[in-house]
């Protein structure tokens, strides 16, 4: 890790300023954000619908039915988290790109 990426950087822009304490750590975090967002989208689009369909077709009972009844709430919550993750990436990615460009990385 170079000393440039360990030097704190303050970036001023729309919505205020951001203090980057570890640029390499921020790069890693953005990569993790992309990866987790992809996993979450897969869960929303494939995993949960498959689970819901399998449960609905294979078992009935008060407890199971109450969980299955909450399926739309689960999807809404996960979609909200997914949207927040996308918004955070959309906010941070151009900042990181600009800092990289400024530092000649």
PDB file of N, CA and C in Angstrom:
ATOM      1  N   UNK A   1       0.853  -1.159   0.000  1.00  0.00           N
ATOM      2  CA  UNK A   1       0.000   0.000   0.000  1.00  0.00           C
ATOM      3  C   UNK A   1       0.905   1.229   0.000  1.00  0.00           C
ATOM      4  N   UNK A   2       0.693   2.131  -0.914  1.00  0.00           N
ATOM      5  CA  UNK A   2       1.519   3.332  -0.983  1.00  0.00           C
ATOM      6  C   UNK A   2       1.089   4.328   0.077  1.00  0.00           C
ATOM      7  N   UNK A   3       2.000   5.249   0.401  1.00  0.00           N
ATOM      8  CA  UNK A   3       1.671   6.253   1.407  1.00  0.00           C
ATOM      9  C   UNK A   3       0.593   7.204   0.912  1.00  0.00           C
ATOM     10  N   UNK A   4       0.473   7.360  -0.413  1.00  0.00           N
ATOM     11  CA  UNK A   4      -0.557   8.245  -0.966  1.00  0.00           C
ATOM     12  C   UNK A   4      -1.943   7.739  -0.588  1.00  0.00           C
ATOM     13  N   UNK A   5      -2.144   6.429  -0.641  1.00  0.00           N
ATOM     14  CA  UNK A   5      -3.469   5.885  -0.343  1.00  0.00           C
ATOM     15  C   UNK A   5      -3.754   5.861   1.149  1.00  0.00           C
ATOM     16  N   UNK A   6      -2.723   6.051   1.986  1.00  0.00           N
ATOM     17  CA  UNK A   6      -2.929   6.127   3.427  1.00  0.00           C
ATOM     18  C   UNK A   6      -3.105   7.551   3.916  1.00  0.00           C
ATOM     19  N   UNK A   7      -2.900   8.516   3.046  1.00  0.00           N
ATOM     20  CA  UNK A   7      -3.036   9.916   3.418  1.00  0.00           C
ATOM     21  C   UNK A   7      -4.506  10.300   3.383  1.00  0.00           C
ATOM     22  N   UNK A   8      -5.042  10.789   4.506  1.00  0.00           N
ATOM     23  CA  UNK A   8      -6.455  11.201   4.495  1.00  0.00           C
ATOM     24  C   UNK A   8      -6.711  12.282   3.454  1.00  0.00           C
ATOM     25  N   UNK A   9      -7.845  12.179   2.797  1.00  0.00           N
ATOM     26  CA  UNK A   9      -8.238  13.124   1.754  1.00  0.00           C
ATOM     27  C   UNK A   9      -9.635  13.612   2.081  1.00  0.00           C
ATOM     28  N   UNK A  10      -9.846  14.918   2.002  1.00  0.00           N
ATOM     29  CA  UNK A  10     -11.183  15.480   2.157  1.00  0.00           C
ATOM     30  C   UNK A  10     -11.649  15.946   0.793  1.00  0.00           C
ATOM     31  N   UNK A  11     -12.830  15.491   0.404  1.00  0.00           N
ATOM     32  CA  UNK A  11     -13.405  15.848  -0.889  1.00  0.00           C
ATOM     33  C   UNK A  11     -14.661  16.655  -0.628  1.00  0.00           C
ATOM     34  N   UNK A  12     -14.740  17.839  -1.220  1.00  0.00           N
ATOM     35  CA  UNK A  12     -15.929  18.674  -1.092  1.00  0.00           C
ATOM     36  C   UNK A  12     -16.746  18.570  -2.363  1.00  0.00           C
ATOM     37  N   UNK A  13     -18.039  18.449  -2.201  1.00  0.00           N
ATOM     38  CA  UNK A  13     -18.909  18.335  -3.365  1.00  0.00           C
ATOM     39  C   UNK A  13     -20.345  18.554  -2.972  1.00  0.00           C
ATOM     40  N   UNK A  14     -21.216  18.189  -3.874  1.00  0.00           N
ATOM     41  CA  UNK A  14     -22.647  18.331  -3.619  1.00  0.00           C
ATOM     42  C   UNK A  14     -23.011  17.537  -2.372  1.00  0.00           C
ATOM     43  N   UNK A  15     -23.737  18.147  -1.493  1.00  0.00           N
ATOM     44  CA  UNK A  15     -24.177  17.462  -0.290  1.00  0.00           C
ATOM     45  C   UNK A  15     -23.188  17.522   0.853  1.00  0.00           C
ATOM     46  N   UNK A  16     -22.066  18.225   0.687  1.00  0.00           N
ATOM     47  CA  UNK A  16     -21.116  18.352   1.783  1.00  0.00           C
ATOM     48  C   UNK A  16     -19.762  17.787   1.429  1.00  0.00           C
ATOM     49  N   UNK A  17     -19.033  17.401   2.461  1.00  0.00           N
ATOM     50  CA  UNK A  17     -17.691  16.868   2.245  1.00  0.00           C
ATOM     51  C   UNK A  17     -17.630  15.427   2.740  1.00  0.00           C
ATOM     52  N   UNK A  18     -16.626  14.728   2.266  1.00  0.00           N
ATOM     53  CA  UNK A  18     -16.394  13.350   2.679  1.00  0.00           C
ATOM     54  C   UNK A  18     -14.913  13.227   3.000  1.00  0.00           C
ATOM     55  N   UNK A  19     -14.599  12.575   4.105  1.00  0.00           N
ATOM     56  CA  UNK A  19     -13.216  12.349   4.507  1.00  0.00           C
ATOM     57  C   UNK A  19     -12.851  10.905   4.197  1.00  0.00           C
ATOM     58  N   UNK A  20     -11.893  10.724   3.319  1.00  0.00           N
ATOM     59  CA  UNK A  20     -11.423   9.390   2.960  1.00  0.00           C
ATOM     60  C   UNK A  20     -10.157   9.132   3.766  1.00  0.00           C
ATOM     61  N   UNK A  21     -10.250   8.216   4.700  1.00  0.00           N
ATOM     62  CA  UNK A  21      -9.124   7.920   5.579  1.00  0.00           C
ATOM     63  C   UNK A  21      -8.208   6.839   5.000  1.00  0.00           C
ATOM     64  N   UNK A  22      -8.752   5.960   4.174  1.00  0.00           N
ATOM     65  CA  UNK A  22      -7.987   4.846   3.604  1.00  0.00           C
ATOM     66  C   UNK A  22      -8.562   4.548   2.224  1.00  0.00           C
ATOM     67  N   UNK A  23      -7.911   5.051   1.190  1.00  0.00           N
ATOM     68  CA  UNK A  23      -8.422   4.900  -0.172  1.00  0.00           C
ATOM     69  C   UNK A  23      -8.467   3.433  -0.597  1.00  0.00           C
ATOM     70  N   UNK A  24      -7.452   2.653  -0.223  1.00  0.00           N
ATOM     71  CA  UNK A  24      -7.483   1.222  -0.549  1.00  0.00           C
ATOM     72  C   UNK A  24      -8.662   0.543   0.133  1.00  0.00           C
ATOM     73  N   UNK A  25      -8.908   0.901   1.372  1.00  0.00           N
ATOM     74  CA  UNK A  25     -10.055   0.351   2.094  1.00  0.00           C
ATOM     75  C   UNK A  25     -11.365   0.741   1.443  1.00  0.00           C
ATOM     76  N   UNK A  26     -11.427   1.950   0.922  1.00  0.00           N
ATOM     77  CA  UNK A  26     -12.638   2.400   0.235  1.00  0.00           C
ATOM     78  C   UNK A  26     -12.831   1.638  -1.073  1.00  0.00           C
ATOM     79  N   UNK A  27     -11.740   1.402  -1.804  1.00  0.00           N
ATOM     80  CA  UNK A  27     -11.825   0.581  -3.024  1.00  0.00           C
ATOM     81  C   UNK A  27     -12.353  -0.814  -2.681  1.00  0.00           C
ATOM     82  N   UNK A  28     -11.802  -1.405  -1.631  1.00  0.00           N
ATOM     83  CA  UNK A  28     -12.247  -2.727  -1.198  1.00  0.00           C
ATOM     84  C   UNK A  28     -13.734  -2.687  -0.834  1.00  0.00           C
ATOM     85  N   UNK A  29     -14.129  -1.660  -0.113  1.00  0.00           N
ATOM     86  CA  UNK A  29     -15.533  -1.531   0.299  1.00  0.00           C
ATOM     87  C   UNK A  29     -16.462  -1.411  -0.898  1.00  0.00           C
ATOM     88  N   UNK A  30     -16.058  -0.652  -1.910  1.00  0.00           N
ATOM     89  CA  UNK A  30     -16.883  -0.529  -3.115  1.00  0.00           C
ATOM     90  C   UNK A  30     -17.017  -1.873  -3.825  1.00  0.00           C
ATOM     91  N   UNK A  31     -15.917  -2.626  -3.892  1.00  0.00           N
ATOM     92  CA  UNK A  31     -15.988  -3.960  -4.502  1.00  0.00           C
ATOM     93  C   UNK A  31     -16.913  -4.876  -3.717  1.00  0.00           C
ATOM     94  N   UNK A  32     -16.837  -4.819  -2.390  1.00  0.00           N
ATOM     95  CA  UNK A  32     -17.731  -5.619  -1.555  1.00  0.00           C
ATOM     96  C   UNK A  32     -19.179  -5.182  -1.747  1.00  0.00           C
ATOM     97  N   UNK A  33     -19.399  -3.887  -1.844  1.00  0.00           N
ATOM     98  CA  UNK A  33     -20.744  -3.350  -2.045  1.00  0.00           C
ATOM     99  C   UNK A  33     -21.342  -3.887  -3.340  1.00  0.00           C
ATOM    100  N   UNK A  34     -20.549  -3.898  -4.405  1.00  0.00           N
ATOM    101  CA  UNK A  34     -21.015  -4.434  -5.688  1.00  0.00           C
ATOM    102  C   UNK A  34     -21.336  -5.925  -5.553  1.00  0.00           C
ATOM    103  N   UNK A  35     -20.452  -6.660  -4.917  1.00  0.00           N
ATOM    104  CA  UNK A  35     -20.638  -8.100  -4.760  1.00  0.00           C
ATOM    105  C   UNK A  35     -21.885  -8.424  -3.939  1.00  0.00           C
ATOM    106  N   UNK A  36     -22.032  -7.773  -2.800  1.00  0.00           N
ATOM    107  CA  UNK A  36     -23.184  -8.023  -1.929  1.00  0.00           C
ATOM    108  C   UNK A  36     -24.473  -7.586  -2.606  1.00  0.00           C
ATOM    109  N   UNK A  37     -24.432  -6.471  -3.320  1.00  0.00           N
ATOM    110  CA  UNK A  37     -25.622  -6.009  -4.048  1.00  0.00           C
ATOM    111  C   UNK A  37     -26.044  -7.058  -5.069  1.00  0.00           C
ATOM    112  N   UNK A  38     -25.081  -7.644  -5.776  1.00  0.00           N
ATOM    113  CA  UNK A  38     -25.391  -8.694  -6.746  1.00  0.00           C
ATOM    114  C   UNK A  38     -26.001  -9.922  -6.088  1.00  0.00           C
ATOM    115  N   UNK A  39     -25.445 -10.317  -4.946  1.00  0.00           N
ATOM    116  CA  UNK A  39     -26.001 -11.453  -4.212  1.00  0.00           C
ATOM    117  C   UNK A  39     -27.418 -11.155  -3.740  1.00  0.00           C
ATOM    118  N   UNK A  40     -27.631  -9.952  -3.264  1.00  0.00           N
ATOM    119  CA  UNK A  40     -28.955  -9.551  -2.796  1.00  0.00           C
ATOM    120  C   UNK A  40     -29.959  -9.552  -3.940  1.00  0.00           C
ATOM    121  N   UNK A  41     -29.548  -9.038  -5.098  1.00  0.00           N
ATOM    122  CA  UNK A  41     -30.440  -9.041  -6.263  1.00  0.00           C
ATOM    123  C   UNK A  41     -30.793 -10.465  -6.681  1.00  0.00           C
ATOM    124  N   UNK A  42     -29.814 -11.356  -6.618  1.00  0.00           N
ATOM    125  CA  UNK A  42     -30.073 -12.760  -6.945  1.00  0.00           C
ATOM    126  C   UNK A  42     -31.066 -13.371  -5.963  1.00  0.00           C
ATOM    127  N   UNK A  43     -30.916 -13.031  -4.707  1.00  0.00           N
ATOM    128  CA  UNK A  43     -31.853 -13.506  -3.688  1.00  0.00           C
ATOM    129  C   UNK A  43     -33.260 -12.987  -3.959  1.00  0.00           C
ATOM    130  N   UNK A  44     -33.359 -11.706  -4.302  1.00  0.00           N
ATOM    131  CA  UNK A  44     -34.663 -11.086  -4.578  1.00  0.00           C
ATOM    132  C   UNK A  44     -35.301 -11.697  -5.825  1.00  0.00           C
ATOM    133  N   UNK A  45     -34.503 -11.874  -6.873  1.00  0.00           N
ATOM    134  CA  UNK A  45     -35.048 -12.309  -8.164  1.00  0.00           C
ATOM    135  C   UNK A  45     -35.236 -13.820  -8.273  1.00  0.00           C
ATOM    136  N   UNK A  46     -34.420 -14.603  -7.544  1.00  0.00           N
ATOM    137  CA  UNK A  46     -34.464 -16.055  -7.731  1.00  0.00           C
ATOM    138  C   UNK A  46     -34.664 -16.826  -6.424  1.00  0.00           C
ATOM    139  N   UNK A  47     -33.813 -16.573  -5.454  1.00  0.00           N
ATOM    140  CA  UNK A  47     -33.811 -17.362  -4.225  1.00  0.00           C
ATOM    141  C   UNK A  47     -35.111 -17.309  -3.445  1.00  0.00           C
ATOM    142  N   UNK A  48     -35.562 -16.112  -3.129  1.00  0.00           N
ATOM    143  CA  UNK A  48     -36.800 -15.986  -2.353  1.00  0.00           C
ATOM    144  C   UNK A  48     -38.035 -16.443  -3.112  1.00  0.00           C
ATOM    145  N   UNK A  49     -38.196 -16.101  -4.392  1.00  0.00           N
ATOM    146  CA  UNK A  49     -39.367 -16.634  -5.103  1.00  0.00           C
ATOM    147  C   UNK A  49     -39.378 -18.164  -5.146  1.00  0.00           C
ATOM    148  N   UNK A  50     -38.205 -18.770  -5.348  1.00  0.00           N
ATOM    149  CA  UNK A  50     -38.130 -20.231  -5.367  1.00  0.00           C
ATOM    150  C   UNK A  50     -38.512 -20.808  -4.011  1.00  0.00           C
ATOM    151  N   UNK A  51     -37.974 -20.224  -2.946  1.00  0.00           N
ATOM    152  CA  UNK A  51     -38.317 -20.665  -1.595  1.00  0.00           C
ATOM    153  C   UNK A  51     -39.804 -20.502  -1.325  1.00  0.00           C
ATOM    154  N   UNK A  52     -40.348 -19.351  -1.670  1.00  0.00           N
ATOM    155  CA  UNK A  52     -41.768 -19.092  -1.433  1.00  0.00           C
ATOM    156  C   UNK A  52     -42.648 -20.094  -2.181  1.00  0.00           C
ATOM    157  N   UNK A  53     -42.323 -20.338  -3.440  1.00  0.00           N
ATOM    158  CA  UNK A  53     -43.103 -21.292  -4.234  1.00  0.00           C
ATOM    159  C   UNK A  53     -43.007 -22.703  -3.663  1.00  0.00           C
ATOM    160  N   UNK A  54     -41.808 -23.103  -3.255  1.00  0.00           N
ATOM    161  CA  UNK A  54     -41.618 -24.445  -2.704  1.00  0.00           C
ATOM    162  C   UNK A  54     -42.364 -24.607  -1.384  1.00  0.00           C
ATOM    163  N   UNK A  55     -42.270 -23.610  -0.514  1.00  0.00           N
ATOM    164  CA  UNK A  55     -42.988 -23.685   0.763  1.00  0.00           C
ATOM    165  C   UNK A  55     -44.493 -23.714   0.555  1.00  0.00           C
ATOM    166  N   UNK A  56     -44.968 -22.834  -0.307  1.00  0.00           N
ATOM    167  CA  UNK A  56     -46.406 -22.750  -0.562  1.00  0.00           C
ATOM    168  C   UNK A  56     -46.941 -24.067  -1.116  1.00  0.00           C
ATOM    169  N   UNK A  57     -46.165 -24.714  -1.971  1.00  0.00           N
ATOM    170  CA  UNK A  57     -46.616 -25.957  -2.604  1.00  0.00           C
ATOM    171  C   UNK A  57     -46.458 -27.180  -1.708  1.00  0.00           C
ATOM    172  N   UNK A  58     -45.568 -27.114  -0.717  1.00  0.00           N
ATOM    173  CA  UNK A  58     -45.225 -28.340  -0.003  1.00  0.00           C
ATOM    174  C   UNK A  58     -45.713 -28.444   1.434  1.00  0.00           C
ATOM    175  N   UNK A  59     -46.051 -27.348   2.058  1.00  0.00           N
ATOM    176  CA  UNK A  59     -46.409 -27.428   3.477  1.00  0.00           C
ATOM    177  C   UNK A  59     -47.418 -26.340   3.835  1.00  0.00           C
ATOM    178  N   UNK A  60     -48.300 -26.687   4.740  1.00  0.00           N
ATOM    179  CA  UNK A  60     -49.261 -25.715   5.267  1.00  0.00           C
ATOM    180  C   UNK A  60     -49.334 -25.878   6.773  1.00  0.00           C
ATOM    181  N   UNK A  61     -49.618 -24.817   7.422  1.00  0.00           N
ATOM    182  CA  UNK A  61     -49.754 -24.813   8.873  1.00  0.00           C
ATOM    183  C   UNK A  61     -49.694 -23.386   9.353  1.00  0.00           C
ATOM    184  N   UNK A  62     -50.193 -23.152  10.523  1.00  0.00           N
ATOM    185  CA  UNK A  62     -50.307 -21.787  11.040  1.00  0.00           C
ATOM    186  C   UNK A  62     -48.974 -21.053  11.039  1.00  0.00           C
ATOM    187  N   UNK A  63     -47.932 -21.681  11.556  1.00  0.00           N
ATOM    188  CA  UNK A  63     -46.631 -21.015  11.650  1.00  0.00           C
ATOM    189  C   UNK A  63     -46.037 -20.765  10.272  1.00  0.00           C
ATOM    190  N   UNK A  64     -46.014 -21.793   9.429  1.00  0.00           N
ATOM    191  CA  UNK A  64     -45.455 -21.643   8.081  1.00  0.00           C
ATOM    192  C   UNK A  64     -46.255 -20.620   7.291  1.00  0.00           C
ATOM    193  N   UNK A  65     -47.570 -20.700   7.362  1.00  0.00           N
ATOM    194  CA  UNK A  65     -48.415 -19.755   6.625  1.00  0.00           C
ATOM    195  C   UNK A  65     -48.168 -18.319   7.065  1.00  0.00           C
ATOM    196  N   UNK A  66     -47.897 -18.106   8.354  1.00  0.00           N
ATOM    197  CA  UNK A  66     -47.641 -16.735   8.816  1.00  0.00           C
ATOM    198  C   UNK A  66     -46.339 -16.201   8.232  1.00  0.00           C
ATOM    199  N   UNK A  67     -45.327 -17.065   8.112  1.00  0.00           N
ATOM    200  CA  UNK A  67     -44.076 -16.635   7.480  1.00  0.00           C
ATOM    201  C   UNK A  67     -44.270 -16.377   5.991  1.00  0.00           C
ATOM    202  N   UNK A  68     -44.938 -17.277   5.318  1.00  0.00           N
ATOM    203  CA  UNK A  68     -45.186 -17.119   3.884  1.00  0.00           C
ATOM    204  C   UNK A  68     -46.022 -15.868   3.630  1.00  0.00           C
ATOM    205  N   UNK A  69     -46.941 -15.582   4.530  1.00  0.00           N
ATOM    206  CA  UNK A  69     -47.769 -14.378   4.399  1.00  0.00           C
ATOM    207  C   UNK A  69     -46.909 -13.105   4.418  1.00  0.00           C
ATOM    208  N   UNK A  70     -45.765 -13.160   5.091  1.00  0.00           N
ATOM    209  CA  UNK A  70     -44.864 -11.999   5.182  1.00  0.00           C
ATOM    210  C   UNK A  70     -43.911 -11.881   3.997  1.00  0.00           C
ATOM    211  N   UNK A  71     -44.058 -12.736   3.008  1.00  0.00           N
ATOM    212  CA  UNK A  71     -43.159 -12.761   1.850  1.00  0.00           C
ATOM    213  C   UNK A  71     -43.028 -11.388   1.188  1.00  0.00           C
ATOM    214  N   UNK A  72     -44.134 -10.721   0.949  1.00  0.00           N
ATOM    215  CA  UNK A  72     -44.066  -9.408   0.287  1.00  0.00           C
ATOM    216  C   UNK A  72     -43.336  -8.390   1.161  1.00  0.00           C
ATOM    217  N   UNK A  73     -43.457  -8.514   2.465  1.00  0.00           N
ATOM    218  CA  UNK A  73     -42.733  -7.626   3.379  1.00  0.00           C
ATOM    219  C   UNK A  73     -41.236  -7.897   3.288  1.00  0.00           C
ATOM    220  N   UNK A  74     -40.864  -9.172   3.205  1.00  0.00           N
ATOM    221  CA  UNK A  74     -39.444  -9.512   3.038  1.00  0.00           C
ATOM    222  C   UNK A  74     -38.902  -8.882   1.766  1.00  0.00           C
ATOM    223  N   UNK A  75     -39.632  -9.062   0.677  1.00  0.00           N
ATOM    224  CA  UNK A  75     -39.168  -8.513  -0.599  1.00  0.00           C
ATOM    225  C   UNK A  75     -39.056  -6.996  -0.546  1.00  0.00           C
ATOM    226  N   UNK A  76     -40.034  -6.349   0.059  1.00  0.00           N
ATOM    227  CA  UNK A  76     -39.998  -4.889   0.172  1.00  0.00           C
ATOM    228  C   UNK A  76     -38.765  -4.451   0.966  1.00  0.00           C
ATOM    229  N   UNK A  77     -38.502  -5.121   2.074  1.00  0.00           N
ATOM    230  CA  UNK A  77     -37.340  -4.775   2.900  1.00  0.00           C
ATOM    231  C   UNK A  77     -36.039  -4.974   2.134  1.00  0.00           C
ATOM    232  N   UNK A  78     -35.916  -6.100   1.448  1.00  0.00           N
ATOM    233  CA  UNK A  78     -34.698  -6.370   0.689  1.00  0.00           C
ATOM    234  C   UNK A  78     -34.534  -5.409  -0.480  1.00  0.00           C
ATOM    235  N   UNK A  79     -35.631  -5.068  -1.135  1.00  0.00           N
ATOM    236  CA  UNK A  79     -35.554  -4.079  -2.220  1.00  0.00           C
ATOM    237  C   UNK A  79     -35.120  -2.723  -1.693  1.00  0.00           C
ATOM    238  N   UNK A  80     -35.571  -2.365  -0.506  1.00  0.00           N
ATOM    239  CA  UNK A  80     -35.171  -1.099   0.107  1.00  0.00           C
ATOM    240  C   UNK A  80     -33.672  -1.101   0.414  1.00  0.00           C
ATOM    241  N   UNK A  81     -33.185  -2.200   0.976  1.00  0.00           N
ATOM    242  CA  UNK A  81     -31.753  -2.327   1.258  1.00  0.00           C
ATOM    243  C   UNK A  81     -30.957  -2.266  -0.041  1.00  0.00           C
ATOM    244  N   UNK A  82     -31.422  -2.974  -1.056  1.00  0.00           N
ATOM    245  CA  UNK A  82     -30.751  -2.981  -2.354  1.00  0.00           C
ATOM    246  C   UNK A  82     -30.680  -1.574  -2.943  1.00  0.00           C
ATOM    247  N   UNK A  83     -31.764  -0.838  -2.836  1.00  0.00           N
ATOM    248  CA  UNK A  83     -31.790   0.545  -3.345  1.00  0.00           C
ATOM    249  C   UNK A  83     -30.809   1.429  -2.591  1.00  0.00           C
ATOM    250  N   UNK A  84     -30.744   1.264  -1.269  1.00  0.00           N
ATOM    251  CA  UNK A  84     -29.793   2.043  -0.471  1.00  0.00           C
ATOM    252  C   UNK A  84     -28.355   1.709  -0.854  1.00  0.00           C
ATOM    253  N   UNK A  85     -28.085   0.423  -1.075  1.00  0.00           N
ATOM    254  CA  UNK A  85     -26.736   0.023  -1.471  1.00  0.00           C
ATOM    255  C   UNK A  85     -26.372   0.616  -2.824  1.00  0.00           C
ATOM    256  N   UNK A  86     -27.308   0.595  -3.759  1.00  0.00           N
ATOM    257  CA  UNK A  86     -27.063   1.168  -5.083  1.00  0.00           C
ATOM    258  C   UNK A  86     -26.832   2.672  -4.980  1.00  0.00           C
ATOM    259  N   UNK A  87     -27.620   3.348  -4.154  1.00  0.00           N
ATOM    260  CA  UNK A  87     -27.463   4.796  -3.975  1.00  0.00           C
ATOM    261  C   UNK A  87     -26.103   5.124  -3.360  1.00  0.00           C
ATOM    262  N   UNK A  88     -25.671   4.327  -2.381  1.00  0.00           N
ATOM    263  CA  UNK A  88     -24.366   4.555  -1.768  1.00  0.00           C
ATOM    264  C   UNK A  88     -23.249   4.370  -2.788  1.00  0.00           C
ATOM    265  N   UNK A  89     -23.339   3.316  -3.595  1.00  0.00           N
ATOM    266  CA  UNK A  89     -22.339   3.096  -4.639  1.00  0.00           C
ATOM    267  C   UNK A  89     -22.343   4.244  -5.642  1.00  0.00           C
ATOM    268  N   UNK A  90     -23.526   4.659  -6.066  1.00  0.00           N
ATOM    269  CA  UNK A  90     -23.657   5.751  -7.039  1.00  0.00           C
ATOM    270  C   UNK A  90     -23.060   7.043  -6.489  1.00  0.00           C
ATOM    271  N   UNK A  91     -23.165   7.252  -5.183  1.00  0.00           N
ATOM    272  CA  UNK A  91     -22.591   8.435  -4.544  1.00  0.00           C
ATOM    273  C   UNK A  91     -21.064   8.329  -4.448  1.00  0.00           C
ATOM    274  N   UNK A  92     -20.570   7.175  -3.988  1.00  0.00           N
ATOM    275  CA  UNK A  92     -19.143   7.046  -3.705  1.00  0.00           C
ATOM    276  C   UNK A  92     -18.272   6.802  -4.932  1.00  0.00           C
ATOM    277  N   UNK A  93     -18.753   6.058  -5.902  1.00  0.00           N
ATOM    278  CA  UNK A  93     -17.916   5.663  -7.030  1.00  0.00           C
ATOM    279  C   UNK A  93     -17.316   6.847  -7.793  1.00  0.00           C
ATOM    280  N   UNK A  94     -18.088   7.873  -8.148  1.00  0.00           N
ATOM    281  CA  UNK A  94     -17.458   9.002  -8.859  1.00  0.00           C
ATOM    282  C   UNK A  94     -16.455   9.765  -7.991  1.00  0.00           C
ATOM    283  N   UNK A  95     -16.687   9.783  -6.689  1.00  0.00           N
ATOM    284  CA  UNK A  95     -15.742  10.449  -5.786  1.00  0.00           C
ATOM    285  C   UNK A  95     -14.417   9.703  -5.799  1.00  0.00           C
ATOM    286  N   UNK A  96     -14.487   8.392  -5.668  1.00  0.00           N
ATOM    287  CA  UNK A  96     -13.269   7.575  -5.683  1.00  0.00           C
ATOM    288  C   UNK A  96     -12.555   7.715  -7.022  1.00  0.00           C
ATOM    289  N   UNK A  97     -13.298   7.702  -8.106  1.00  0.00           N
ATOM    290  CA  UNK A  97     -12.692   7.867  -9.435  1.00  0.00           C
ATOM    291  C   UNK A  97     -11.994   9.211  -9.556  1.00  0.00           C
ATOM    292  N   UNK A  98     -12.621  10.263  -9.045  1.00  0.00           N
ATOM    293  CA  UNK A  98     -12.019  11.600  -9.106  1.00  0.00           C
ATOM    294  C   UNK A  98     -10.755  11.671  -8.258  1.00  0.00           C
ATOM    295  N   UNK A  99     -10.789  11.078  -7.066  1.00  0.00           N
ATOM    296  CA  UNK A  99      -9.597  11.070  -6.210  1.00  0.00           C
ATOM    297  C   UNK A  99      -8.488  10.265  -6.881  1.00  0.00           C
ATOM    298  N   UNK A 100      -8.829   9.103  -7.429  1.00  0.00           N
ATOM    299  CA  UNK A 100      -7.833   8.298  -8.148  1.00  0.00           C
ATOM    300  C   UNK A 100      -7.200   9.108  -9.273  1.00  0.00           C
ATOM    301  N   UNK A 101      -8.031   9.795 -10.040  1.00  0.00           N
ATOM    302  CA  UNK A 101      -7.537  10.598 -11.163  1.00  0.00           C
ATOM    303  C   UNK A 101      -6.618  11.712 -10.658  1.00  0.00           C
ATOM    304  N   UNK A 102      -7.036  12.387  -9.594  1.00  0.00           N
ATOM    305  CA  UNK A 102      -6.248  13.484  -9.034  1.00  0.00           C
ATOM    306  C   UNK A 102      -4.899  12.985  -8.523  1.00  0.00           C
ATOM    307  N   UNK A 103      -4.902  11.803  -7.910  1.00  0.00           N
ATOM    308  CA  UNK A 103      -3.662  11.246  -7.366  1.00  0.00           C
ATOM    309  C   UNK A 103      -2.838  10.517  -8.421  1.00  0.00           C
ATOM    310  N   UNK A 104      -3.376  10.425  -9.649  1.00  0.00           N
ATOM    311  CA  UNK A 104      -2.664   9.760 -10.728  1.00  0.00           C
ATOM    312  C   UNK A 104      -2.622   8.254 -10.582  1.00  0.00           C
ATOM    313  N   UNK A 105      -3.668   7.693 -10.011  1.00  0.00           N
ATOM    314  CA  UNK A 105      -3.708   6.232  -9.799  1.00  0.00           C
ATOM    315  C   UNK A 105      -4.418   5.551 -10.939  1.00  0.00           C
TER     316      UNK A 105
END
